[in-house]
Amino acid sequence: MTLVIFVLLFALRDQHILSNLLIGALVIVTYLLLVLLFEIDSNVFLEDVNSFIDIETVFQTIGQSAYYPDHAFRNYHFKPRHKEYRVGYHDSRGKLKIKLMH
């Protein structure tokens, strides 16, 4: 939908520099708003506070160490809250493996 709006905006512009600057500014502001909405929707700002807290309590209740998927460590905001935890990853054949980290 946004791409259609961008194409229509560029189709409506004329040879005046002011209209070109206005259309360019509208496109940039629209793109930045979409990026901000994506980050708010995916909870980028509070992910270090909220990530995996609910899951940790489940594993603590059943007597297991905390579990984190491998992709959690690719994010530089994430730090495990426990000294001993388990990490799940996929091996070269696609099988899920779990290793204990200290």
PDB file of N, CA and C in Angstrom:
ATOM      1  N   MET A   1       0.820  -1.186   0.000  1.00  0.00           N
ATOM      2  CA  MET A   1       0.000   0.000   0.000  1.00  0.00           C
ATOM      3  C   MET A   1       0.866   1.252   0.000  1.00  0.00           C
ATOM      4  N   THR A   2       1.913   1.241   0.809  1.00  0.00           N
ATOM      5  CA  THR A   2       2.788   2.405   0.878  1.00  0.00           C
ATOM      6  C   THR A   2       3.533   2.608  -0.428  1.00  0.00           C
ATOM      7  N   LEU A   3       3.910   1.515  -1.061  1.00  0.00           N
ATOM      8  CA  LEU A   3       4.588   1.617  -2.346  1.00  0.00           C
ATOM      9  C   LEU A   3       3.691   2.274  -3.386  1.00  0.00           C
ATOM     10  N   VAL A   4       2.416   1.952  -3.364  1.00  0.00           N
ATOM     11  CA  VAL A   4       1.461   2.567  -4.293  1.00  0.00           C
ATOM     12  C   VAL A   4       1.367   4.067  -4.032  1.00  0.00           C
ATOM     13  N   ILE A   5       1.344   4.453  -2.764  1.00  0.00           N
ATOM     14  CA  ILE A   5       1.296   5.878  -2.425  1.00  0.00           C
ATOM     15  C   ILE A   5       2.559   6.583  -2.897  1.00  0.00           C
ATOM     16  N   PHE A   6       3.714   5.948  -2.726  1.00  0.00           N
ATOM     17  CA  PHE A   6       4.967   6.547  -3.201  1.00  0.00           C
ATOM     18  C   PHE A   6       4.948   6.740  -4.711  1.00  0.00           C
ATOM     19  N   VAL A   7       4.494   5.731  -5.439  1.00  0.00           N
ATOM     20  CA  VAL A   7       4.454   5.827  -6.901  1.00  0.00           C
ATOM     21  C   VAL A   7       3.502   6.941  -7.332  1.00  0.00           C
ATOM     22  N   LEU A   8       2.346   7.029  -6.689  1.00  0.00           N
ATOM     23  CA  LEU A   8       1.401   8.092  -7.028  1.00  0.00           C
ATOM     24  C   LEU A   8       1.948   9.472  -6.690  1.00  0.00           C
ATOM     25  N   LEU A   9       2.663   9.593  -5.593  1.00  0.00           N
ATOM     26  CA  LEU A   9       3.262  10.882  -5.250  1.00  0.00           C
ATOM     27  C   LEU A   9       4.299  11.301  -6.284  1.00  0.00           C
ATOM     28  N   PHE A  10       5.136  10.372  -6.702  1.00  0.00           N
ATOM     29  CA  PHE A  10       6.138  10.717  -7.706  1.00  0.00           C
ATOM     30  C   PHE A  10       5.503  10.975  -9.074  1.00  0.00           C
ATOM     31  N   ALA A  11       4.381  10.341  -9.356  1.00  0.00           N
ATOM     32  CA  ALA A  11       3.696  10.593 -10.623  1.00  0.00           C
ATOM     33  C   ALA A  11       3.035  11.963 -10.641  1.00  0.00           C
ATOM     34  N   LEU A  12       2.633  12.464  -9.484  1.00  0.00           N
ATOM     35  CA  LEU A  12       1.939  13.750  -9.414  1.00  0.00           C
ATOM     36  C   LEU A  12       2.876  14.955  -9.374  1.00  0.00           C
ATOM     37  N   ARG A  13       4.147  14.750  -9.184  1.00  0.00           N
ATOM     38  CA  ARG A  13       5.052  15.889  -9.076  1.00  0.00           C
ATOM     39  C   ARG A  13       5.272  16.529 -10.442  1.00  0.00           C
ATOM     40  N   ASP A  14       5.674  17.784 -10.407  1.00  0.00           N
ATOM     41  CA  ASP A  14       5.961  18.492 -11.657  1.00  0.00           C
ATOM     42  C   ASP A  14       7.413  18.968 -11.634  1.00  0.00           C
ATOM     43  N   GLN A  15       7.769  19.925 -12.474  1.00  0.00           N
ATOM     44  CA  GLN A  15       9.159  20.329 -12.632  1.00  0.00           C
ATOM     45  C   GLN A  15       9.622  21.358 -11.606  1.00  0.00           C
ATOM     46  N   HIS A  16       8.747  21.803 -10.738  1.00  0.00           N
ATOM     47  CA  HIS A  16       9.138  22.801  -9.745  1.00  0.00           C
ATOM     48  C   HIS A  16       9.938  22.149  -8.622  1.00  0.00           C
ATOM     49  N   ILE A  17      10.967  22.834  -8.181  1.00  0.00           N
ATOM     50  CA  ILE A  17      11.855  22.291  -7.149  1.00  0.00           C
ATOM     51  C   ILE A  17      11.120  22.134  -5.819  1.00  0.00           C
ATOM     52  N   LEU A  18      10.183  23.039  -5.546  1.00  0.00           N
ATOM     53  CA  LEU A  18       9.449  22.968  -4.289  1.00  0.00           C
ATOM     54  C   LEU A  18       8.595  21.702  -4.208  1.00  0.00           C
ATOM     55  N   SER A  19       7.955  21.346  -5.305  1.00  0.00           N
ATOM     56  CA  SER A  19       7.141  20.121  -5.287  1.00  0.00           C
ATOM     57  C   SER A  19       8.023  18.881  -5.158  1.00  0.00           C
ATOM     58  N   ASN A  20       9.195  18.899  -5.783  1.00  0.00           N
ATOM     59  CA  ASN A  20      10.119  17.772  -5.650  1.00  0.00           C
ATOM     60  C   ASN A  20      10.611  17.621  -4.201  1.00  0.00           C
ATOM     61  N   LEU A  21      10.933  18.742  -3.560  1.00  0.00           N
ATOM     62  CA  LEU A  21      11.370  18.692  -2.170  1.00  0.00           C
ATOM     63  C   LEU A  21      10.238  18.228  -1.246  1.00  0.00           C
ATOM     64  N   LEU A  22       9.036  18.703  -1.506  1.00  0.00           N
ATOM     65  CA  LEU A  22       7.894  18.311  -0.689  1.00  0.00           C
ATOM     66  C   LEU A  22       7.595  16.822  -0.828  1.00  0.00           C
ATOM     67  N   ILE A  23       7.609  16.304  -2.045  1.00  0.00           N
ATOM     68  CA  ILE A  23       7.363  14.870  -2.271  1.00  0.00           C
ATOM     69  C   ILE A  23       8.472  14.038  -1.631  1.00  0.00           C
ATOM     70  N   GLY A  24       9.715  14.462  -1.768  1.00  0.00           N
ATOM     71  CA  GLY A  24      10.832  13.745  -1.150  1.00  0.00           C
ATOM     72  C   GLY A  24      10.709  13.720   0.370  1.00  0.00           C
ATOM     73  N   ALA A  25      10.334  14.855   0.962  1.00  0.00           N
ATOM     74  CA  ALA A  25      10.154  14.913   2.407  1.00  0.00           C
ATOM     75  C   ALA A  25       9.007  14.016   2.852  1.00  0.00           C
ATOM     76  N   LEU A  26       7.915  13.990   2.115  1.00  0.00           N
ATOM     77  CA  LEU A  26       6.790  13.116   2.464  1.00  0.00           C
ATOM     78  C   LEU A  26       7.182  11.642   2.400  1.00  0.00           C
ATOM     79  N   VAL A  27       7.947  11.280   1.412  1.00  0.00           N
ATOM     80  CA  VAL A  27       8.385   9.890   1.279  1.00  0.00           C
ATOM     81  C   VAL A  27       9.303   9.511   2.442  1.00  0.00           C
ATOM     82  N   ILE A  28      10.242  10.374   2.790  1.00  0.00           N
ATOM     83  CA  ILE A  28      11.171  10.081   3.883  1.00  0.00           C
ATOM     84  C   ILE A  28      10.441   9.990   5.216  1.00  0.00           C
ATOM     85  N   VAL A  29       9.533  10.921   5.477  1.00  0.00           N
ATOM     86  CA  VAL A  29       8.778  10.902   6.734  1.00  0.00           C
ATOM     87  C   VAL A  29       7.896   9.665   6.809  1.00  0.00           C
ATOM     88  N   THR A  30       7.269   9.282   5.715  1.00  0.00           N
ATOM     89  CA  THR A  30       6.431   8.086   5.708  1.00  0.00           C
ATOM     90  C   THR A  30       7.259   6.843   5.979  1.00  0.00           C
ATOM     91  N   TYR A  31       8.431   6.736   5.373  1.00  0.00           N
ATOM     92  CA  TYR A  31       9.310   5.595   5.610  1.00  0.00           C
ATOM     93  C   TYR A  31       9.749   5.533   7.071  1.00  0.00           C
ATOM     94  N   LEU A  32      10.150   6.668   7.633  1.00  0.00           N
ATOM     95  CA  LEU A  32      10.590   6.683   9.025  1.00  0.00           C
ATOM     96  C   LEU A  32       9.446   6.335   9.980  1.00  0.00           C
ATOM     97  N   LEU A  33       8.235   6.769   9.671  1.00  0.00           N
ATOM     98  CA  LEU A  33       7.082   6.399  10.493  1.00  0.00           C
ATOM     99  C   LEU A  33       6.811   4.904  10.436  1.00  0.00           C
ATOM    100  N   LEU A  34       6.950   4.310   9.260  1.00  0.00           N
ATOM    101  CA  LEU A  34       6.750   2.869   9.145  1.00  0.00           C
ATOM    102  C   LEU A  34       7.816   2.090   9.919  1.00  0.00           C
ATOM    103  N   VAL A  35       9.051   2.559   9.887  1.00  0.00           N
ATOM    104  CA  VAL A  35      10.119   1.916  10.655  1.00  0.00           C
ATOM    105  C   VAL A  35       9.836   2.036  12.150  1.00  0.00           C
ATOM    106  N   LEU A  36       9.397   3.206  12.603  1.00  0.00           N
ATOM    107  CA  LEU A  36       9.078   3.406  14.016  1.00  0.00           C
ATOM    108  C   LEU A  36       7.915   2.516  14.451  1.00  0.00           C
ATOM    109  N   LEU A  37       6.886   2.417  13.628  1.00  0.00           N
ATOM    110  CA  LEU A  37       5.760   1.545  13.955  1.00  0.00           C
ATOM    111  C   LEU A  37       6.183   0.082  14.030  1.00  0.00           C
ATOM    112  N   PHE A  38       7.072  -0.347  13.142  1.00  0.00           N
ATOM    113  CA  PHE A  38       7.580  -1.715  13.188  1.00  0.00           C
ATOM    114  C   PHE A  38       8.344  -1.971  14.481  1.00  0.00           C
ATOM    115  N   GLU A  39       9.199  -1.009  14.877  1.00  0.00           N
ATOM    116  CA  GLU A  39       9.984  -1.186  16.093  1.00  0.00           C
ATOM    117  C   GLU A  39       9.098  -1.189  17.334  1.00  0.00           C
ATOM    118  N   ILE A  40       8.063  -0.374  17.346  1.00  0.00           N
ATOM    119  CA  ILE A  40       7.139  -0.377  18.480  1.00  0.00           C
ATOM    120  C   ILE A  40       6.358  -1.679  18.503  1.00  0.00           C
ATOM    121  N   ASP A  41       5.917  -2.151  17.355  1.00  0.00           N
ATOM    122  CA  ASP A  41       5.138  -3.380  17.289  1.00  0.00           C
ATOM    123  C   ASP A  41       5.963  -4.598  17.684  1.00  0.00           C
ATOM    124  N   SER A  42       7.239  -4.622  17.319  1.00  0.00           N
ATOM    125  CA  SER A  42       8.080  -5.769  17.660  1.00  0.00           C
ATOM    126  C   SER A  42       8.755  -5.601  19.020  1.00  0.00           C
ATOM    127  N   ASN A  43       8.417  -4.531  19.745  1.00  0.00           N
ATOM    128  CA  ASN A  43       8.882  -4.288  21.112  1.00  0.00           C
ATOM    129  C   ASN A  43      10.401  -4.199  21.194  1.00  0.00           C
ATOM    130  N   VAL A  44      11.010  -3.494  20.278  1.00  0.00           N
ATOM    131  CA  VAL A  44      12.466  -3.344  20.253  1.00  0.00           C
ATOM    132  C   VAL A  44      12.954  -2.555  21.466  1.00  0.00           C
ATOM    133  N   PHE A  45      12.169  -1.593  21.925  1.00  0.00           N
ATOM    134  CA  PHE A  45      12.631  -0.710  22.987  1.00  0.00           C
ATOM    135  C   PHE A  45      12.679  -1.377  24.356  1.00  0.00           C
ATOM    136  N   LEU A  46      11.819  -2.355  24.613  1.00  0.00           N
ATOM    137  CA  LEU A  46      11.790  -3.001  25.919  1.00  0.00           C
ATOM    138  C   LEU A  46      12.135  -4.486  25.862  1.00  0.00           C
ATOM    139  N   GLU A  47      12.785  -4.921  24.795  1.00  0.00           N
ATOM    140  CA  GLU A  47      13.040  -6.348  24.660  1.00  0.00           C
ATOM    141  C   GLU A  47      14.020  -6.868  25.700  1.00  0.00           C
ATOM    142  N   ASP A  48      14.957  -6.042  26.150  1.00  0.00           N
ATOM    143  CA  ASP A  48      15.889  -6.520  27.163  1.00  0.00           C
ATOM    144  C   ASP A  48      15.205  -6.699  28.515  1.00  0.00           C
ATOM    145  N   VAL A  49      14.112  -5.997  28.755  1.00  0.00           N
ATOM    146  CA  VAL A  49      13.377  -6.133  30.014  1.00  0.00           C
ATOM    147  C   VAL A  49      12.412  -7.307  29.946  1.00  0.00           C
ATOM    148  N   ASN A  50      11.716  -7.458  28.844  1.00  0.00           N
ATOM    149  CA  ASN A  50      10.627  -8.426  28.744  1.00  0.00           C
ATOM    150  C   ASN A  50      11.005  -9.772  28.146  1.00  0.00           C
ATOM    151  N   SER A  51      12.173  -9.907  27.592  1.00  0.00           N
ATOM    152  CA  SER A  51      12.474 -11.118  26.832  1.00  0.00           C
ATOM    153  C   SER A  51      12.629 -12.336  27.737  1.00  0.00           C
ATOM    154  N   PHE A  52      11.853 -13.338  27.461  1.00  0.00           N
ATOM    155  CA  PHE A  52      11.956 -14.675  28.050  1.00  0.00           C
ATOM    156  C   PHE A  52      11.678 -14.733  29.549  1.00  0.00           C
ATOM    157  N   ILE A  53      11.136 -13.708  30.162  1.00  0.00           N
ATOM    158  CA  ILE A  53      10.880 -13.734  31.602  1.00  0.00           C
ATOM    159  C   ILE A  53       9.825 -14.786  31.949  1.00  0.00           C
ATOM    160  N   ASP A  54       8.736 -14.842  31.186  1.00  0.00           N
ATOM    161  CA  ASP A  54       7.678 -15.809  31.470  1.00  0.00           C
ATOM    162  C   ASP A  54       8.170 -17.245  31.315  1.00  0.00           C
ATOM    163  N   ILE A  55       8.988 -17.496  30.337  1.00  0.00           N
ATOM    164  CA  ILE A  55       9.489 -18.839  30.085  1.00  0.00           C
ATOM    165  C   ILE A  55      10.426 -19.293  31.203  1.00  0.00           C
ATOM    166  N   GLU A  56      11.233 -18.374  31.727  1.00  0.00           N
ATOM    167  CA  GLU A  56      12.168 -18.741  32.789  1.00  0.00           C
ATOM    168  C   GLU A  56      11.441 -19.286  34.009  1.00  0.00           C
ATOM    169  N   THR A  57      10.319 -18.694  34.374  1.00  0.00           N
ATOM    170  CA  THR A  57       9.600 -19.149  35.568  1.00  0.00           C
ATOM    171  C   THR A  57       9.054 -20.556  35.388  1.00  0.00           C
ATOM    172  N   VAL A  58       8.674 -20.906  34.183  1.00  0.00           N
ATOM    173  CA  VAL A  58       8.184 -22.262  33.927  1.00  0.00           C
ATOM    174  C   VAL A  58       9.287 -23.278  34.174  1.00  0.00           C
ATOM    175  N   PHE A  59      10.475 -23.027  33.648  1.00  0.00           N
ATOM    176  CA  PHE A  59      11.583 -23.962  33.835  1.00  0.00           C
ATOM    177  C   PHE A  59      12.048 -24.004  35.283  1.00  0.00           C
ATOM    178  N   GLN A  60      12.009 -22.882  35.994  1.00  0.00           N
ATOM    179  CA  GLN A  60      12.371 -22.876  37.407  1.00  0.00           C
ATOM    180  C   GLN A  60      11.380 -23.709  38.217  1.00  0.00           C
ATOM    181  N   THR A  61      10.111 -23.634  37.854  1.00  0.00           N
ATOM    182  CA  THR A  61       9.079 -24.385  38.572  1.00  0.00           C
ATOM    183  C   THR A  61       9.269 -25.886  38.431  1.00  0.00           C
ATOM    184  N   ILE A  62       9.669 -26.353  37.261  1.00  0.00           N
ATOM    185  CA  ILE A  62       9.854 -27.797  37.061  1.00  0.00           C
ATOM    186  C   ILE A  62      11.267 -28.255  37.402  1.00  0.00           C
ATOM    187  N   GLY A  63      12.108 -27.338  37.908  1.00  0.00           N
ATOM    188  CA  GLY A  63      13.434 -27.725  38.370  1.00  0.00           C
ATOM    189  C   GLY A  63      14.493 -27.794  37.292  1.00  0.00           C
ATOM    190  N   GLN A  64      14.283 -27.171  36.167  1.00  0.00           N
ATOM    191  CA  GLN A  64      15.270 -27.155  35.085  1.00  0.00           C
ATOM    192  C   GLN A  64      15.957 -25.793  35.038  1.00  0.00           C
ATOM    193  N   SER A  65      17.124 -25.751  34.440  1.00  0.00           N
ATOM    194  CA  SER A  65      17.779 -24.460  34.233  1.00  0.00           C
ATOM    195  C   SER A  65      17.075 -23.724  33.096  1.00  0.00           C
ATOM    196  N   ALA A  66      17.252 -22.424  33.066  1.00  0.00           N
ATOM    197  CA  ALA A  66      16.565 -21.589  32.075  1.00  0.00           C
ATOM    198  C   ALA A  66      16.956 -22.000  30.661  1.00  0.00           C
ATOM    199  N   TYR A  67      16.036 -21.853  29.717  1.00  0.00           N
ATOM    200  CA  TYR A  67      16.265 -22.221  28.319  1.00  0.00           C
ATOM    201  C   TYR A  67      16.112 -20.984  27.455  1.00  0.00           C
ATOM    202  N   TYR A  68      17.036 -20.807  26.517  1.00  0.00           N
ATOM    203  CA  TYR A  68      16.969 -19.707  25.561  1.00  0.00           C
ATOM    204  C   TYR A  68      17.244 -20.266  24.167  1.00  0.00           C
ATOM    205  N   PRO A  69      16.504 -19.816  23.166  1.00  0.00           N
ATOM    206  CA  PRO A  69      16.824 -20.242  21.799  1.00  0.00           C
ATOM    207  C   PRO A  69      18.100 -19.554  21.317  1.00  0.00           C
ATOM    208  N   ASP A  70      18.710 -20.139  20.318  1.00  0.00           N
ATOM    209  CA  ASP A  70      19.976 -19.636  19.784  1.00  0.00           C
ATOM    210  C   ASP A  70      19.844 -18.214  19.247  1.00  0.00           C
ATOM    211  N   HIS A  71      18.700 -17.905  18.647  1.00  0.00           N
ATOM    212  CA  HIS A  71      18.542 -16.577  18.033  1.00  0.00           C
ATOM    213  C   HIS A  71      18.501 -15.461  19.080  1.00  0.00           C
ATOM    214  N   ALA A  72      18.273 -15.796  20.350  1.00  0.00           N
ATOM    215  CA  ALA A  72      18.261 -14.766  21.391  1.00  0.00           C
ATOM    216  C   ALA A  72      19.639 -14.146  21.565  1.00  0.00           C
ATOM    217  N   PHE A  73      20.698 -14.909  21.340  1.00  0.00           N
ATOM    218  CA  PHE A  73      22.046 -14.408  21.542  1.00  0.00           C
ATOM    219  C   PHE A  73      22.580 -13.631  20.345  1.00  0.00           C
ATOM    220  N   ARG A  74      21.881 -13.669  19.237  1.00  0.00           N
ATOM    221  CA  ARG A  74      22.287 -12.866  18.078  1.00  0.00           C
ATOM    222  C   ARG A  74      21.951 -11.400  18.291  1.00  0.00           C
ATOM    223  N   ASN A  75      21.054 -11.125  19.225  1.00  0.00           N
ATOM    224  CA  ASN A  75      20.664  -9.764  19.537  1.00  0.00           C
ATOM    225  C   ASN A  75      21.591  -9.237  20.628  1.00  0.00           C
ATOM    226  N   TYR A  76      22.200  -8.108  20.422  1.00  0.00           N
ATOM    227  CA  TYR A  76      23.176  -7.604  21.369  1.00  0.00           C
ATOM    228  C   TYR A  76      22.538  -7.079  22.652  1.00  0.00           C
ATOM    229  N   HIS A  77      21.210  -6.911  22.701  1.00  0.00           N
ATOM    230  CA  HIS A  77      20.548  -6.437  23.905  1.00  0.00           C
ATOM    231  C   HIS A  77      20.359  -7.561  24.927  1.00  0.00           C
ATOM    232  N   PHE A  78      20.357  -8.791  24.497  1.00  0.00           N
ATOM    233  CA  PHE A  78      19.987  -9.898  25.372  1.00  0.00           C
ATOM    234  C   PHE A  78      21.175 -10.397  26.186  1.00  0.00           C
ATOM    235  N   LYS A  79      20.951 -10.524  27.491  1.00  0.00           N
ATOM    236  CA  LYS A  79      21.945 -11.121  28.379  1.00  0.00           C
ATOM    237  C   LYS A  79      21.200 -12.088  29.294  1.00  0.00           C
ATOM    238  N   PRO A  80      21.666 -13.319  29.429  1.00  0.00           N
ATOM    239  CA  PRO A  80      20.977 -14.264  30.308  1.00  0.00           C
ATOM    240  C   PRO A  80      21.051 -13.801  31.760  1.00  0.00           C
ATOM    241  N   ARG A  81      19.977 -14.057  32.495  1.00  0.00           N
ATOM    242  CA  ARG A  81      19.914 -13.623  33.880  1.00  0.00           C
ATOM    243  C   ARG A  81      20.425 -14.676  34.845  1.00  0.00           C
ATOM    244  N   HIS A  82      20.754 -15.852  34.373  1.00  0.00           N
ATOM    245  CA  HIS A  82      21.212 -16.940  35.230  1.00  0.00           C
ATOM    246  C   HIS A  82      22.625 -17.349  34.836  1.00  0.00           C
ATOM    247  N   LYS A  83      23.367 -17.894  35.806  1.00  0.00           N
ATOM    248  CA  LYS A  83      24.727 -18.345  35.508  1.00  0.00           C
ATOM    249  C   LYS A  83      24.721 -19.641  34.717  1.00  0.00           C
ATOM    250  N   GLU A  84      23.742 -20.485  34.984  1.00  0.00           N
ATOM    251  CA  GLU A  84      23.633 -21.752  34.264  1.00  0.00           C
ATOM    252  C   GLU A  84      22.328 -21.733  33.463  1.00  0.00           C
ATOM    253  N   TYR A  85      22.440 -21.980  32.171  1.00  0.00           N
ATOM    254  CA  TYR A  85      21.267 -21.968  31.300  1.00  0.00           C
ATOM    255  C   TYR A  85      21.494 -22.929  30.140  1.00  0.00           C
ATOM    256  N   ARG A  86      20.396 -23.274  29.467  1.00  0.00           N
ATOM    257  CA  ARG A  86      20.462 -24.156  28.307  1.00  0.00           C
ATOM    258  C   ARG A  86      20.210 -23.338  27.042  1.00  0.00           C
ATOM    259  N   VAL A  87      20.888 -23.713  25.971  1.00  0.00           N
ATOM    260  CA  VAL A  87      20.738 -23.037  24.681  1.00  0.00           C
ATOM    261  C   VAL A  87      20.317 -24.066  23.645  1.00  0.00           C
ATOM    262  N   GLY A  88      19.247 -23.770  22.923  1.00  0.00           N
ATOM    263  CA  GLY A  88      18.793 -24.642  21.848  1.00  0.00           C
ATOM    264  C   GLY A  88      19.277 -24.127  20.510  1.00  0.00           C
ATOM    265  N   TYR A  89      19.771 -25.013  19.659  1.00  0.00           N
ATOM    266  CA  TYR A  89      20.253 -24.636  18.337  1.00  0.00           C
ATOM    267  C   TYR A  89      19.999 -25.792  17.375  1.00  0.00           C
ATOM    268  N   HIS A  90      20.055 -25.523  16.094  1.00  0.00           N
ATOM    269  CA  HIS A  90      19.888 -26.550  15.069  1.00  0.00           C
ATOM    270  C   HIS A  90      21.249 -26.931  14.521  1.00  0.00           C
ATOM    271  N   ASP A  91      21.484 -28.238  14.410  1.00  0.00           N
ATOM    272  CA  ASP A  91      22.758 -28.689  13.848  1.00  0.00           C
ATOM    273  C   ASP A  91      22.699 -28.606  12.322  1.00  0.00           C
ATOM    274  N   SER A  92      23.728 -29.119  11.661  1.00  0.00           N
ATOM    275  CA  SER A  92      23.817 -29.008  10.197  1.00  0.00           C
ATOM    276  C   SER A  92      22.719 -29.785   9.479  1.00  0.00           C
ATOM    277  N   ARG A  93      22.138 -30.806  10.136  1.00  0.00           N
ATOM    278  CA  ARG A  93      21.059 -31.579   9.511  1.00  0.00           C
ATOM    279  C   ARG A  93      19.675 -31.065   9.889  1.00  0.00           C
ATOM    280  N   GLY A  94      19.624 -29.987  10.680  1.00  0.00           N
ATOM    281  CA  GLY A  94      18.346 -29.399  11.044  1.00  0.00           C
ATOM    282  C   GLY A  94      17.723 -29.950  12.310  1.00  0.00           C
ATOM    283  N   LYS A  95      18.423 -30.827  13.019  1.00  0.00           N
ATOM    284  CA  LYS A  95      17.895 -31.380  14.260  1.00  0.00           C
ATOM    285  C   LYS A  95      18.152 -30.409  15.404  1.00  0.00           C
ATOM    286  N   LEU A  96      17.187 -30.301  16.310  1.00  0.00           N
ATOM    287  CA  LEU A  96      17.324 -29.420  17.465  1.00  0.00           C
ATOM    288  C   LEU A  96      18.243 -30.057  18.495  1.00  0.00           C
ATOM    289  N   LYS A  97      19.241 -29.324  18.908  1.00  0.00           N
ATOM    290  CA  LYS A  97      20.185 -29.750  19.943  1.00  0.00           C
ATOM    291  C   LYS A  97      20.123 -28.755  21.091  1.00  0.00           C
ATOM    292  N   ILE A  98      20.334 -29.228  22.305  1.00  0.00           N
ATOM    293  CA  ILE A  98      20.345 -28.373  23.484  1.00  0.00           C
ATOM    294  C   ILE A  98      21.661 -28.599  24.214  1.00  0.00           C
ATOM    295  N   LYS A  99      22.362 -27.497  24.518  1.00  0.00           N
ATOM    296  CA  LYS A  99      23.605 -27.633  25.275  1.00  0.00           C
ATOM    297  C   LYS A  99      23.528 -26.766  26.530  1.00  0.00           C
ATOM    298  N   LEU A 100      24.177 -27.225  27.581  1.00  0.00           N
ATOM    299  CA  LEU A 100      24.189 -26.545  28.858  1.00  0.00           C
ATOM    300  C   LEU A 100      25.349 -25.576  28.895  1.00  0.00           C
ATOM    301  N   MET A 101      25.085 -24.330  29.265  1.00  0.00           N
ATOM    302  CA  MET A 101      26.113 -23.294  29.321  1.00  0.00           C
ATOM    303  C   MET A 101      26.316 -22.894  30.774  1.00  0.00           C
ATOM    304  N   HIS A 102      27.552 -22.540  31.117  1.00  0.00           N
ATOM    305  CA  HIS A 102      27.870 -22.097  32.491  1.00  0.00           C
ATOM    306  C   HIS A 102      28.414 -20.704  32.436  1.00  0.00           C
TER     307      HIS A 102
END
